[in-house]
N, C-alpha and C. Protein backbone atom coordinates (compact mmCIF):
# COMPACT_ATOMS: atom_id res chain seq x y z
N MET A 1 4.58 -1.89 10.32
CA MET A 1 6.01 -1.70 10.57
C MET A 1 6.28 -0.28 11.04
N MET A 2 5.59 0.67 10.39
CA MET A 2 5.81 2.06 10.78
C MET A 2 5.35 2.30 12.21
N CYS A 3 4.30 1.62 12.65
CA CYS A 3 3.83 1.75 14.03
C CYS A 3 4.92 1.28 14.99
N VAL A 4 5.53 0.14 14.71
CA VAL A 4 6.59 -0.38 15.58
C VAL A 4 7.77 0.58 15.61
N VAL A 5 8.10 1.15 14.45
CA VAL A 5 9.23 2.08 14.38
C VAL A 5 8.95 3.34 15.19
N SER A 6 7.77 3.96 14.99
CA SER A 6 7.46 5.23 15.65
C SER A 6 7.16 5.08 17.13
N VAL A 7 6.54 3.98 17.50
CA VAL A 7 6.12 3.83 18.88
C VAL A 7 7.18 3.17 19.74
N LEU A 8 7.93 2.23 19.19
CA LEU A 8 8.85 1.46 20.02
C LEU A 8 10.32 1.73 19.72
N VAL A 9 10.69 1.63 18.46
CA VAL A 9 12.12 1.65 18.11
C VAL A 9 12.77 2.98 18.45
N VAL A 10 12.13 4.11 18.14
CA VAL A 10 12.78 5.41 18.34
C VAL A 10 12.72 5.88 19.79
N LYS A 11 11.95 5.24 20.62
CA LYS A 11 11.81 5.69 22.02
C LYS A 11 13.01 5.29 22.87
N TYR A 12 13.63 4.17 22.57
CA TYR A 12 14.66 3.62 23.44
C TYR A 12 15.95 3.40 22.66
N ARG A 13 17.06 3.67 23.32
CA ARG A 13 18.36 3.48 22.67
C ARG A 13 18.65 2.02 22.40
N TRP A 14 18.20 1.13 23.28
CA TRP A 14 18.49 -0.30 23.11
C TRP A 14 17.73 -0.90 21.94
N THR A 15 16.73 -0.20 21.42
CA THR A 15 16.07 -0.66 20.19
C THR A 15 16.52 0.16 18.98
N LEU A 16 16.93 1.41 19.23
CA LEU A 16 17.35 2.27 18.12
C LEU A 16 18.68 1.82 17.52
N PHE A 17 19.66 1.55 18.37
CA PHE A 17 20.99 1.22 17.85
C PHE A 17 21.02 -0.09 17.05
N PRO A 18 20.33 -1.15 17.48
CA PRO A 18 20.27 -2.33 16.59
C PRO A 18 19.56 -2.05 15.26
N ALA A 19 18.53 -1.20 15.30
CA ALA A 19 17.85 -0.84 14.05
C ALA A 19 18.79 -0.08 13.12
N LEU A 20 19.59 0.83 13.67
CA LEU A 20 20.56 1.57 12.84
C LEU A 20 21.64 0.64 12.31
N ALA A 21 22.07 -0.32 13.12
CA ALA A 21 23.06 -1.30 12.66
C ALA A 21 22.48 -2.16 11.54
N PHE A 22 21.22 -2.55 11.68
CA PHE A 22 20.57 -3.33 10.63
C PHE A 22 20.44 -2.52 9.35
N LEU A 23 20.11 -1.24 9.46
CA LEU A 23 20.04 -0.38 8.27
C LEU A 23 21.41 -0.22 7.61
N ALA A 24 22.46 -0.14 8.43
CA ALA A 24 23.82 -0.06 7.87
C ALA A 24 24.17 -1.35 7.13
N PHE A 25 23.76 -2.49 7.69
CA PHE A 25 23.99 -3.77 7.02
C PHE A 25 23.24 -3.83 5.69
N ILE A 26 22.00 -3.36 5.68
CA ILE A 26 21.22 -3.34 4.44
C ILE A 26 21.90 -2.43 3.41
N ALA A 27 22.39 -1.27 3.85
CA ALA A 27 23.09 -0.36 2.93
C ALA A 27 24.34 -1.03 2.36
N TYR A 28 25.06 -1.77 3.19
CA TYR A 28 26.24 -2.49 2.72
C TYR A 28 25.85 -3.54 1.68
N ARG A 29 24.78 -4.29 1.94
CA ARG A 29 24.34 -5.32 1.00
C ARG A 29 23.90 -4.71 -0.33
N ILE A 30 23.24 -3.55 -0.26
CA ILE A 30 22.84 -2.87 -1.50
C ILE A 30 24.07 -2.39 -2.24
N HIS A 31 25.08 -1.90 -1.51
CA HIS A 31 26.31 -1.43 -2.13
C HIS A 31 27.04 -2.58 -2.83
N VAL A 32 27.03 -3.76 -2.24
CA VAL A 32 27.68 -4.92 -2.83
C VAL A 32 27.00 -5.31 -4.15
N VAL A 33 25.68 -5.22 -4.18
CA VAL A 33 24.94 -5.57 -5.39
C VAL A 33 25.12 -4.49 -6.46
N ALA A 34 25.44 -3.28 -6.06
CA ALA A 34 25.72 -2.16 -6.96
C ALA A 34 24.49 -1.76 -7.78
N VAL A 35 23.42 -1.43 -7.09
CA VAL A 35 22.24 -0.89 -7.75
C VAL A 35 22.32 0.62 -7.73
N SER A 36 21.22 1.31 -8.02
CA SER A 36 21.26 2.76 -8.16
C SER A 36 21.61 3.45 -6.84
N ALA A 37 22.11 4.67 -6.95
CA ALA A 37 22.55 5.43 -5.78
C ALA A 37 21.38 5.78 -4.87
N LEU A 38 20.22 6.01 -5.43
CA LEU A 38 19.05 6.34 -4.61
C LEU A 38 18.63 5.16 -3.75
N ASP A 39 18.75 3.95 -4.28
CA ASP A 39 18.47 2.77 -3.47
C ASP A 39 19.50 2.62 -2.36
N TYR A 40 20.71 2.98 -2.65
CA TYR A 40 21.78 2.89 -1.66
C TYR A 40 21.57 3.91 -0.54
N LEU A 41 21.01 5.07 -0.88
CA LEU A 41 20.79 6.11 0.12
C LEU A 41 19.53 5.89 0.95
N SER A 42 18.65 5.02 0.51
CA SER A 42 17.40 4.80 1.21
C SER A 42 17.57 4.37 2.67
N PRO A 43 18.41 3.37 2.99
CA PRO A 43 18.59 3.02 4.41
C PRO A 43 19.18 4.17 5.22
N PHE A 44 20.04 4.98 4.61
CA PHE A 44 20.61 6.12 5.33
C PHE A 44 19.55 7.18 5.63
N CYS A 45 18.65 7.39 4.69
CA CYS A 45 17.56 8.35 4.93
C CYS A 45 16.62 7.85 6.02
N ILE A 46 16.33 6.55 6.02
CA ILE A 46 15.50 5.99 7.09
C ILE A 46 16.22 6.12 8.42
N GLY A 47 17.51 5.84 8.44
CA GLY A 47 18.29 6.00 9.67
C GLY A 47 18.33 7.44 10.15
N ALA A 48 18.46 8.38 9.21
CA ALA A 48 18.43 9.80 9.59
C ALA A 48 17.08 10.17 10.19
N GLY A 49 16.00 9.66 9.59
CA GLY A 49 14.67 9.91 10.14
C GLY A 49 14.52 9.33 11.53
N LEU A 50 15.06 8.12 11.74
CA LEU A 50 15.01 7.51 13.07
C LEU A 50 15.78 8.34 14.10
N LEU A 51 16.95 8.82 13.70
CA LEU A 51 17.74 9.65 14.63
C LEU A 51 17.04 10.96 14.95
N ILE A 52 16.43 11.59 13.95
CA ILE A 52 15.69 12.83 14.18
C ILE A 52 14.53 12.58 15.13
N MET A 53 13.81 11.49 14.90
CA MET A 53 12.68 11.16 15.77
C MET A 53 13.16 10.86 17.18
N HIS A 54 14.30 10.16 17.32
CA HIS A 54 14.80 9.81 18.64
C HIS A 54 15.25 11.04 19.42
N THR A 55 15.91 11.97 18.74
CA THR A 55 16.42 13.15 19.46
C THR A 55 15.31 14.10 19.88
N THR A 56 14.16 14.06 19.22
CA THR A 56 13.07 14.96 19.57
C THR A 56 11.93 14.25 20.31
N THR A 57 12.13 13.00 20.72
CA THR A 57 11.05 12.23 21.35
C THR A 57 10.68 12.82 22.71
N GLY A 58 11.60 13.01 23.58
CA GLY A 58 11.29 13.45 24.93
C GLY A 58 11.04 14.93 25.05
N SER A 59 11.49 15.71 24.11
CA SER A 59 11.35 17.16 24.21
C SER A 59 10.03 17.61 23.60
N SER A 60 9.83 18.91 23.61
CA SER A 60 8.60 19.47 23.05
C SER A 60 8.73 19.74 21.57
N GLY A 61 9.74 19.21 20.93
CA GLY A 61 9.98 19.47 19.51
C GLY A 61 9.13 18.58 18.62
N TRP A 62 7.84 18.83 18.56
CA TRP A 62 6.95 18.04 17.72
C TRP A 62 7.29 18.19 16.25
N PHE A 63 7.82 19.37 15.89
CA PHE A 63 8.15 19.60 14.48
C PHE A 63 9.28 18.68 14.04
N GLY A 64 10.30 18.50 14.89
CA GLY A 64 11.40 17.60 14.56
C GLY A 64 10.93 16.16 14.43
N PHE A 65 10.07 15.74 15.35
CA PHE A 65 9.53 14.38 15.26
C PHE A 65 8.71 14.22 13.99
N TRP A 66 7.94 15.25 13.63
CA TRP A 66 7.13 15.21 12.41
C TRP A 66 8.02 15.09 11.18
N VAL A 67 9.12 15.87 11.16
CA VAL A 67 10.05 15.80 10.02
C VAL A 67 10.64 14.39 9.91
N GLY A 68 11.08 13.83 11.03
CA GLY A 68 11.66 12.49 11.01
C GLY A 68 10.66 11.43 10.60
N GLU A 69 9.44 11.54 11.15
CA GLU A 69 8.42 10.56 10.79
C GLU A 69 8.01 10.70 9.32
N SER A 70 7.95 11.94 8.82
CA SER A 70 7.64 12.15 7.41
C SER A 70 8.71 11.53 6.53
N LEU A 71 9.96 11.70 6.90
CA LEU A 71 11.06 11.13 6.13
C LEU A 71 10.99 9.60 6.11
N VAL A 72 10.73 9.01 7.27
CA VAL A 72 10.66 7.54 7.33
C VAL A 72 9.45 7.02 6.55
N ILE A 73 8.28 7.64 6.72
CA ILE A 73 7.09 7.21 5.97
C ILE A 73 7.33 7.37 4.48
N GLY A 74 7.93 8.49 4.08
CA GLY A 74 8.23 8.73 2.67
C GLY A 74 9.18 7.69 2.10
N MET A 75 10.19 7.31 2.86
CA MET A 75 11.13 6.30 2.36
C MET A 75 10.50 4.91 2.33
N PHE A 76 9.65 4.61 3.32
CA PHE A 76 8.93 3.33 3.27
C PHE A 76 8.04 3.29 2.04
N THR A 77 7.36 4.40 1.74
CA THR A 77 6.50 4.46 0.57
C THR A 77 7.32 4.33 -0.71
N TYR A 78 8.45 5.03 -0.76
CA TYR A 78 9.33 4.94 -1.93
C TYR A 78 9.82 3.51 -2.14
N ASN A 79 10.22 2.86 -1.06
CA ASN A 79 10.72 1.49 -1.17
C ASN A 79 9.63 0.51 -1.59
N SER A 80 8.40 0.78 -1.22
CA SER A 80 7.32 -0.13 -1.60
C SER A 80 6.91 0.06 -3.06
N MET A 81 7.33 1.15 -3.69
CA MET A 81 6.99 1.41 -5.10
C MET A 81 8.22 1.24 -5.99
N ALA A 82 9.05 0.28 -5.69
CA ALA A 82 10.32 0.12 -6.39
C ALA A 82 10.15 -0.25 -7.86
N GLY A 83 9.09 -0.96 -8.23
CA GLY A 83 8.94 -1.41 -9.60
C GLY A 83 8.33 -0.39 -10.54
N THR A 84 7.82 0.73 -10.01
CA THR A 84 7.13 1.70 -10.86
C THR A 84 8.09 2.78 -11.34
N GLN A 85 7.72 3.42 -12.44
CA GLN A 85 8.48 4.54 -12.96
C GLN A 85 8.17 5.77 -12.10
N LEU A 86 9.16 6.28 -11.40
CA LEU A 86 8.93 7.40 -10.49
C LEU A 86 9.13 8.72 -11.23
N THR A 87 8.05 9.47 -11.33
CA THR A 87 8.09 10.78 -11.96
C THR A 87 7.99 11.85 -10.89
N THR A 88 8.23 13.09 -11.27
CA THR A 88 8.19 14.18 -10.30
C THR A 88 6.82 14.33 -9.65
N PRO A 89 5.71 14.28 -10.39
CA PRO A 89 4.41 14.37 -9.70
C PRO A 89 4.17 13.23 -8.71
N LEU A 90 4.64 12.03 -9.06
CA LEU A 90 4.48 10.90 -8.15
C LEU A 90 5.31 11.10 -6.89
N LEU A 91 6.53 11.59 -7.05
CA LEU A 91 7.37 11.86 -5.88
C LEU A 91 6.77 12.96 -5.00
N LEU A 92 6.20 13.99 -5.62
CA LEU A 92 5.55 15.05 -4.84
C LEU A 92 4.33 14.51 -4.10
N ALA A 93 3.57 13.65 -4.76
CA ALA A 93 2.40 13.04 -4.11
C ALA A 93 2.83 12.17 -2.94
N MET A 94 3.92 11.40 -3.12
CA MET A 94 4.43 10.57 -2.03
C MET A 94 4.88 11.44 -0.86
N GLY A 95 5.56 12.55 -1.16
CA GLY A 95 6.00 13.46 -0.10
C GLY A 95 4.82 14.08 0.63
N GLY A 96 3.81 14.51 -0.11
CA GLY A 96 2.61 15.07 0.51
C GLY A 96 1.88 14.05 1.36
N PHE A 97 1.79 12.81 0.85
CA PHE A 97 1.15 11.75 1.62
C PHE A 97 1.89 11.50 2.92
N SER A 98 3.22 11.42 2.83
CA SER A 98 3.99 11.12 4.04
C SER A 98 3.90 12.25 5.06
N MET A 99 3.84 13.49 4.59
CA MET A 99 3.71 14.61 5.53
C MET A 99 2.34 14.61 6.21
N LEU A 100 1.29 14.35 5.43
CA LEU A 100 -0.05 14.30 6.02
C LEU A 100 -0.21 13.10 6.94
N ALA A 101 0.35 11.98 6.55
CA ALA A 101 0.27 10.79 7.41
C ALA A 101 1.01 11.02 8.72
N ALA A 102 2.17 11.66 8.65
CA ALA A 102 2.92 11.94 9.87
C ALA A 102 2.18 12.94 10.75
N LEU A 103 1.45 13.87 10.14
CA LEU A 103 0.64 14.79 10.94
C LEU A 103 -0.45 14.03 11.69
N TRP A 104 -1.02 13.02 11.05
CA TRP A 104 -2.07 12.24 11.70
C TRP A 104 -1.48 11.32 12.78
N PHE A 105 -0.42 10.60 12.44
CA PHE A 105 0.11 9.59 13.36
C PHE A 105 0.77 10.20 14.59
N ARG A 106 1.69 11.14 14.41
CA ARG A 106 2.41 11.82 15.48
C ARG A 106 3.05 10.87 16.49
N GLY A 107 3.38 9.66 16.06
CA GLY A 107 4.04 8.71 16.95
C GLY A 107 3.13 8.15 18.02
N LYS A 108 1.83 8.28 17.87
CA LYS A 108 0.86 7.80 18.85
C LYS A 108 0.35 6.42 18.44
N PHE A 109 0.39 5.50 19.37
CA PHE A 109 -0.03 4.12 19.09
C PHE A 109 -1.48 4.05 18.65
N TRP A 110 -2.35 4.80 19.31
CA TRP A 110 -3.78 4.70 19.01
C TRP A 110 -4.11 5.22 17.61
N ASN A 111 -3.37 6.18 17.12
CA ASN A 111 -3.60 6.64 15.74
C ASN A 111 -3.26 5.53 14.74
N TYR A 112 -2.16 4.83 15.01
CA TYR A 112 -1.81 3.70 14.16
C TYR A 112 -2.85 2.58 14.31
N ALA A 113 -3.33 2.35 15.53
CA ALA A 113 -4.32 1.31 15.77
C ALA A 113 -5.62 1.60 15.02
N ILE A 114 -6.02 2.87 14.96
CA ILE A 114 -7.23 3.25 14.22
C ILE A 114 -7.06 2.93 12.74
N VAL A 115 -5.93 3.30 12.17
CA VAL A 115 -5.69 3.04 10.75
C VAL A 115 -5.63 1.54 10.48
N LEU A 116 -4.96 0.78 11.34
CA LEU A 116 -4.90 -0.67 11.15
C LEU A 116 -6.27 -1.31 11.30
N ALA A 117 -7.11 -0.81 12.22
CA ALA A 117 -8.47 -1.33 12.37
C ALA A 117 -9.30 -1.04 11.12
N LEU A 118 -9.15 0.16 10.55
CA LEU A 118 -9.87 0.48 9.31
C LEU A 118 -9.41 -0.42 8.17
N GLU A 119 -8.11 -0.68 8.08
CA GLU A 119 -7.61 -1.57 7.05
C GLU A 119 -8.15 -2.99 7.24
N ALA A 120 -8.19 -3.45 8.49
CA ALA A 120 -8.73 -4.79 8.76
C ALA A 120 -10.21 -4.85 8.40
N PHE A 121 -10.97 -3.80 8.74
CA PHE A 121 -12.39 -3.76 8.39
C PHE A 121 -12.57 -3.82 6.88
N LEU A 122 -11.79 -3.02 6.14
CA LEU A 122 -11.90 -3.03 4.68
C LEU A 122 -11.53 -4.40 4.10
N ALA A 123 -10.51 -5.03 4.66
CA ALA A 123 -10.10 -6.34 4.17
C ALA A 123 -11.20 -7.38 4.40
N ILE A 124 -11.82 -7.35 5.57
CA ILE A 124 -12.90 -8.29 5.86
C ILE A 124 -14.11 -7.99 4.98
N PHE A 125 -14.42 -6.71 4.82
CA PHE A 125 -15.54 -6.32 3.98
C PHE A 125 -15.34 -6.80 2.54
N ILE A 126 -14.14 -6.59 2.02
CA ILE A 126 -13.84 -7.02 0.65
C ILE A 126 -13.89 -8.54 0.54
N ALA A 127 -13.35 -9.23 1.54
CA ALA A 127 -13.35 -10.69 1.50
C ALA A 127 -14.76 -11.25 1.54
N MET A 128 -15.69 -10.53 2.17
CA MET A 128 -17.06 -11.01 2.24
C MET A 128 -17.91 -10.49 1.08
N ALA A 129 -17.69 -9.25 0.67
CA ALA A 129 -18.56 -8.63 -0.34
C ALA A 129 -18.26 -9.11 -1.75
N PHE A 130 -17.01 -9.30 -2.10
CA PHE A 130 -16.68 -9.66 -3.47
C PHE A 130 -17.27 -11.01 -3.89
N PRO A 131 -17.20 -12.06 -3.07
CA PRO A 131 -17.85 -13.31 -3.50
C PRO A 131 -19.36 -13.16 -3.66
N ILE A 132 -20.00 -12.36 -2.81
CA ILE A 132 -21.44 -12.14 -2.93
C ILE A 132 -21.74 -11.39 -4.23
N MET A 133 -20.94 -10.35 -4.53
CA MET A 133 -21.15 -9.62 -5.78
C MET A 133 -20.90 -10.52 -6.99
N GLU A 134 -19.94 -11.43 -6.87
CA GLU A 134 -19.67 -12.36 -7.97
C GLU A 134 -20.86 -13.28 -8.20
N MET A 135 -21.46 -13.77 -7.10
CA MET A 135 -22.63 -14.65 -7.25
C MET A 135 -23.81 -13.89 -7.87
N VAL A 136 -24.04 -12.65 -7.44
CA VAL A 136 -25.12 -11.85 -8.01
C VAL A 136 -24.88 -11.61 -9.49
N LEU A 137 -23.66 -11.24 -9.85
CA LEU A 137 -23.33 -11.01 -11.26
C LEU A 137 -23.49 -12.27 -12.08
N GLU A 138 -23.09 -13.41 -11.52
CA GLU A 138 -23.23 -14.67 -12.24
C GLU A 138 -24.71 -15.01 -12.46
N THR A 139 -25.54 -14.76 -11.47
CA THR A 139 -26.97 -15.02 -11.60
C THR A 139 -27.59 -14.13 -12.67
N VAL A 140 -27.25 -12.85 -12.65
CA VAL A 140 -27.77 -11.92 -13.65
C VAL A 140 -27.30 -12.33 -15.04
N LEU A 141 -26.04 -12.69 -15.15
CA LEU A 141 -25.50 -13.11 -16.44
C LEU A 141 -26.17 -14.38 -16.95
N ASN A 142 -26.42 -15.34 -16.07
CA ASN A 142 -27.10 -16.57 -16.48
C ASN A 142 -28.52 -16.28 -16.95
N ASP A 143 -29.24 -15.39 -16.25
CA ASP A 143 -30.59 -15.03 -16.70
C ASP A 143 -30.56 -14.39 -18.08
N LYS A 144 -29.62 -13.49 -18.28
CA LYS A 144 -29.50 -12.84 -19.59
C LYS A 144 -29.17 -13.86 -20.67
N LEU A 145 -28.27 -14.79 -20.37
CA LEU A 145 -27.91 -15.81 -21.35
C LEU A 145 -29.09 -16.72 -21.68
N LYS A 146 -29.93 -17.02 -20.68
CA LYS A 146 -31.12 -17.84 -20.95
C LYS A 146 -32.07 -17.12 -21.90
N LYS A 147 -32.27 -15.82 -21.65
CA LYS A 147 -33.16 -15.04 -22.52
C LYS A 147 -32.60 -14.95 -23.93
N VAL A 148 -31.31 -14.65 -24.01
CA VAL A 148 -30.68 -14.56 -25.33
C VAL A 148 -30.63 -15.93 -25.98
N GLY A 149 -30.37 -16.97 -25.18
CA GLY A 149 -30.31 -18.33 -25.72
C GLY A 149 -31.64 -18.74 -26.33
N ASP A 150 -32.76 -18.38 -25.65
CA ASP A 150 -34.07 -18.70 -26.21
C ASP A 150 -34.27 -18.00 -27.54
N LYS A 151 -33.87 -16.76 -27.62
CA LYS A 151 -34.01 -16.01 -28.87
C LYS A 151 -33.14 -16.60 -29.97
N VAL A 152 -31.92 -17.01 -29.60
CA VAL A 152 -31.01 -17.59 -30.59
C VAL A 152 -31.56 -18.92 -31.08
N ARG A 153 -32.08 -19.77 -30.16
CA ARG A 153 -32.65 -21.06 -30.58
C ARG A 153 -33.88 -20.85 -31.47
N ALA A 154 -34.73 -19.88 -31.13
CA ALA A 154 -35.91 -19.60 -31.96
C ALA A 154 -35.49 -19.11 -33.34
N HIS A 155 -34.48 -18.25 -33.38
CA HIS A 155 -33.99 -17.77 -34.68
C HIS A 155 -33.38 -18.91 -35.48
N HIS A 156 -32.66 -19.80 -34.81
CA HIS A 156 -32.06 -20.95 -35.49
C HIS A 156 -33.16 -21.84 -36.08
N GLN A 157 -34.22 -22.09 -35.33
CA GLN A 157 -35.33 -22.90 -35.85
C GLN A 157 -35.99 -22.22 -37.04
N HIS A 158 -36.14 -20.91 -36.95
CA HIS A 158 -36.73 -20.15 -38.05
C HIS A 158 -35.87 -20.28 -39.31
N LEU A 159 -34.54 -20.09 -39.16
CA LEU A 159 -33.64 -20.22 -40.30
C LEU A 159 -33.62 -21.65 -40.83
N LYS A 160 -33.70 -22.62 -39.95
CA LYS A 160 -33.69 -24.01 -40.36
C LYS A 160 -34.93 -24.32 -41.22
N ARG A 161 -36.10 -23.87 -40.79
CA ARG A 161 -37.32 -24.06 -41.59
C ARG A 161 -37.23 -23.32 -42.92
N TYR A 162 -36.63 -22.15 -42.89
CA TYR A 162 -36.50 -21.36 -44.12
C TYR A 162 -35.64 -22.11 -45.13
N TYR A 163 -34.47 -22.61 -44.70
CA TYR A 163 -33.58 -23.30 -45.62
C TYR A 163 -34.16 -24.65 -46.07
N GLU A 164 -34.90 -25.31 -45.20
CA GLU A 164 -35.55 -26.56 -45.60
C GLU A 164 -36.63 -26.32 -46.65
N SER A 165 -37.32 -25.20 -46.52
CA SER A 165 -38.37 -24.89 -47.52
C SER A 165 -37.73 -24.52 -48.86
N LYS A 166 -36.53 -23.97 -48.84
CA LYS A 166 -35.86 -23.61 -50.09
C LYS A 166 -35.35 -24.85 -50.82
N GLN A 167 -35.09 -25.90 -50.12
CA GLN A 167 -34.50 -27.08 -50.76
C GLN A 167 -35.58 -27.87 -51.32
């Protein structure tokens, strides 16, 4: 989503204004539900970031674009962590992450494509590696259970003979 926002939405007015209208609608819906003020300000902060990015897109103001992209990435990250208890260190970490991510992305499609390709590679790797690791672990566990089972059965036979001799 951030790739679409940085590469497409902020470049053109015909995509920016509907996005700002949609954010205003979301802010209105949040206001109607009457949740916390920070949740209500979130769409406005994203809209401010979009406007900052749009105004500095064509010029040489990379710093302004970086600030806008950092704000939008930070708010996306904040919104995705809605269920967690947000403490000051966590908020500082989110801010640092968003600033570093914006330094890497810089509104370039290929930087986003590299990150998405790495995520896809990790997802495929995990989807393939975890079942294999599960099968290996199951095999090791079954071997251990067989060895322990033999010892338990031998001990049971020993105890059974012992108690039979006592009777």
